[in-house]
Protein backbone atom coordinates (compact mmCIF):
# COMPACT_ATOMS: atom_id res chain seq x y z
CA UNK A 1 68.86 118.72 39.96
CA UNK A 2 72.06 120.07 40.61
CA UNK A 3 71.04 121.17 44.14
CA UNK A 4 69.68 117.71 44.96
CA UNK A 5 72.93 116.02 43.83
CA UNK A 6 74.90 118.52 46.25
CA UNK A 7 72.32 117.90 49.26
CA UNK A 8 72.76 113.94 48.53
CA UNK A 9 76.81 114.43 48.83
CA UNK A 10 76.41 116.89 51.98
CA UNK A 11 74.16 113.98 53.60
CA UNK A 12 76.46 111.27 52.24
CA UNK A 13 79.61 113.17 53.89
CA UNK A 14 77.74 113.77 57.30
CA UNK A 15 77.09 110.14 57.53
CA UNK A 16 80.41 109.17 56.74
CA UNK A 17 82.16 111.40 59.35
CA UNK A 18 79.09 110.06 61.80
CA UNK A 19 80.42 106.31 61.12
CA UNK A 20 84.07 107.60 61.62
CA UNK A 21 83.25 109.38 64.83
CA UNK A 22 81.64 106.17 66.12
CA UNK A 23 84.30 103.74 65.21
CA UNK A 24 86.87 106.24 66.80
CA UNK A 25 84.81 106.54 69.92
CA UNK A 26 84.19 102.74 70.04
CA UNK A 27 88.11 101.83 69.71
CA UNK A 28 89.07 104.42 72.40
CA UNK A 29 86.56 102.82 74.66
CA UNK A 30 87.71 99.42 73.94
CA UNK A 31 91.61 99.83 75.00
CA UNK A 32 90.49 101.78 78.27
CA UNK A 33 87.54 99.86 79.78
CA UNK A 34 87.55 96.23 77.98
CA UNK A 35 89.42 93.79 80.34
CA UNK A 36 92.35 91.62 79.05
CA UNK A 37 91.16 88.04 79.72
CA UNK A 38 93.43 85.32 81.13
CA UNK A 39 95.34 87.51 83.72
CA UNK A 40 94.62 86.16 87.15
CA UNK A 41 94.38 88.31 90.23
CA UNK A 42 96.71 87.16 93.07
CA UNK A 43 97.80 88.79 95.93
CA UNK A 44 101.53 89.79 95.94
CA UNK A 45 102.30 88.30 99.03
CA UNK A 46 101.86 84.89 97.50
CA UNK A 47 104.49 85.73 95.10
CA UNK A 48 107.40 85.61 97.25
CA UNK A 49 110.03 83.11 96.47
CA UNK A 50 109.16 83.27 93.03
CA UNK A 51 111.00 84.83 89.89
CA UNK A 52 108.60 87.41 89.25
CA UNK A 53 108.93 91.30 88.65
CA UNK A 54 106.74 93.17 90.40
CA UNK A 55 105.71 96.55 88.67
CA UNK A 56 103.45 99.17 90.28
CA UNK A 57 101.86 101.50 88.14
CA UNK A 58 100.12 103.39 90.64
CA UNK A 59 101.26 107.05 91.20
CA UNK A 60 104.10 107.66 93.49
CA UNK A 61 101.82 109.13 96.08
CA UNK A 62 99.59 106.16 96.35
CA UNK A 63 102.40 103.66 96.60
CA UNK A 64 103.00 102.38 100.22
CA UNK A 65 106.23 101.49 101.71
CA UNK A 66 106.16 98.05 101.68
CA UNK A 67 109.70 96.57 101.19
CA UNK A 68 108.82 92.86 101.86
CA UNK A 69 108.88 92.60 98.23
CA UNK A 70 111.18 94.15 95.62
CA UNK A 71 109.21 96.24 93.21
CA UNK A 72 109.65 98.61 90.64
CA UNK A 73 107.52 101.96 90.63
CA UNK A 74 107.01 103.33 87.42
CA UNK A 75 103.53 105.03 87.23
CA UNK A 76 101.36 104.81 84.08
CA UNK A 77 102.11 108.45 83.14
CA UNK A 78 105.91 107.44 83.16
CA UNK A 79 105.62 104.05 81.57
CA UNK A 80 105.85 104.90 77.94
CA UNK A 81 109.50 106.76 78.69
CA UNK A 82 110.75 104.17 81.31
CA UNK A 83 109.42 100.99 80.03
CA UNK A 84 112.98 99.73 78.64
CA UNK A 85 113.96 100.00 82.44
CA UNK A 86 111.61 96.61 83.38
CA UNK A 87 113.73 93.80 83.53
CA UNK A 88 112.10 91.08 80.87
CA UNK A 89 110.42 87.93 82.13
CA UNK A 90 106.91 87.32 83.93
CA UNK A 91 105.46 90.73 85.41
CA UNK A 92 102.96 91.07 88.28
CA UNK A 93 101.36 94.37 87.92
CA UNK A 94 99.97 96.54 90.78
CA UNK A 95 97.59 99.33 89.69
CA UNK A 96 94.89 101.59 91.31
CA UNK A 97 91.85 100.93 89.32
CA UNK A 98 90.54 98.93 86.49
CA UNK A 99 91.07 101.70 84.12
CA UNK A 100 94.67 102.25 84.98
CA UNK A 101 94.98 98.40 84.55
CA UNK A 102 93.49 97.75 81.33
CA UNK A 103 95.73 100.33 79.87
CA UNK A 104 99.01 99.46 81.45
CA UNK A 105 98.28 95.86 80.60
CA UNK A 106 97.63 96.54 76.97
CA UNK A 107 100.70 98.90 76.85
CA UNK A 108 102.99 96.50 78.28
CA UNK A 109 101.78 93.41 76.22
CA UNK A 110 102.13 95.49 73.04
CA UNK A 111 105.81 96.17 73.87
CA UNK A 112 106.43 92.12 74.61
CA UNK A 113 106.15 91.65 77.98
CA UNK A 114 104.60 88.58 79.56
CA UNK A 115 102.31 89.47 82.37
CA UNK A 116 101.90 86.65 84.87
CA UNK A 117 99.24 88.31 87.34
CA UNK A 118 97.77 91.64 88.70
CA UNK A 119 96.52 93.18 91.80
CA UNK A 120 93.93 96.00 92.24
CA UNK A 121 94.63 98.28 95.39
CA UNK A 122 90.96 99.21 95.23
CA UNK A 123 89.57 96.09 94.94
CA UNK A 124 91.55 93.10 96.67
CA UNK A 125 91.52 89.84 94.83
CA UNK A 126 88.94 87.26 96.38
CA UNK A 127 89.30 83.93 94.75
CA UNK A 128 85.36 83.23 95.06
CA UNK A 129 84.77 84.30 91.38
CA UNK A 130 86.09 82.59 88.35
CA UNK A 131 89.69 81.95 89.95
CA UNK A 132 90.37 85.61 90.44
CA UNK A 133 90.30 86.16 86.61
CA UNK A 134 89.68 89.75 85.10
CA UNK A 135 86.54 88.96 83.32
CA UNK A 136 84.00 90.96 85.30
């Protein structure tokens, strides 16, 4: 009888650890891949004349030399270190892909920034679907 109780406890520990592992994997996948709803996709050329901070979170070697609009380039890898240099106000985020966008937006929103819009370089905004919302 003592061996059966030990076997049941071992099986329960394995089940608890499995459940914990699944919850951990799901939370990581949610933060990385589930989009933030309500943030529209807008081309940065339409932002001229508006009081919006343009934040480019792509890597330095992916950034173009577009000086037509003032933008701040802080790659996502450095965002946790330099986010205090971003001025308060509405922010337009430029990212390379959806993964970088999702993680970057979650970090910025968690730290109190107001995200006005976004733009992806690998997937230009087309306003044929859902008014350019991030719900893909």
